[in-house]
């Protein structure tokens, strides 16, 4: 007895293809979700660090301009004596 090959109707094939596309969409959504879980927290961390670095750089510029406006300080602790403490008389 010879078995007949099963012939799929157009409707059967459409249903199979539809199932495949549904599975692909579900898989893609899951992968997108996992990528979001990994990428976005890291992106937020990098953004936060970048903001902090920029703030620190701004503070450094302010400090440097403040120091530049100060009158020049004497190199000696005793302003009347400009001799280094390493030089012995």
Foldseek 3Di string as FASTA:
>chain_A
DDDDDDDDDPVRVVVVVVVVVVVVVVVVVVVVVVCCVVPVVVVVVVVVVVVVVVVVVVVVVVVVVVVVPDDDDAPDPPNVDNDDPVDDD
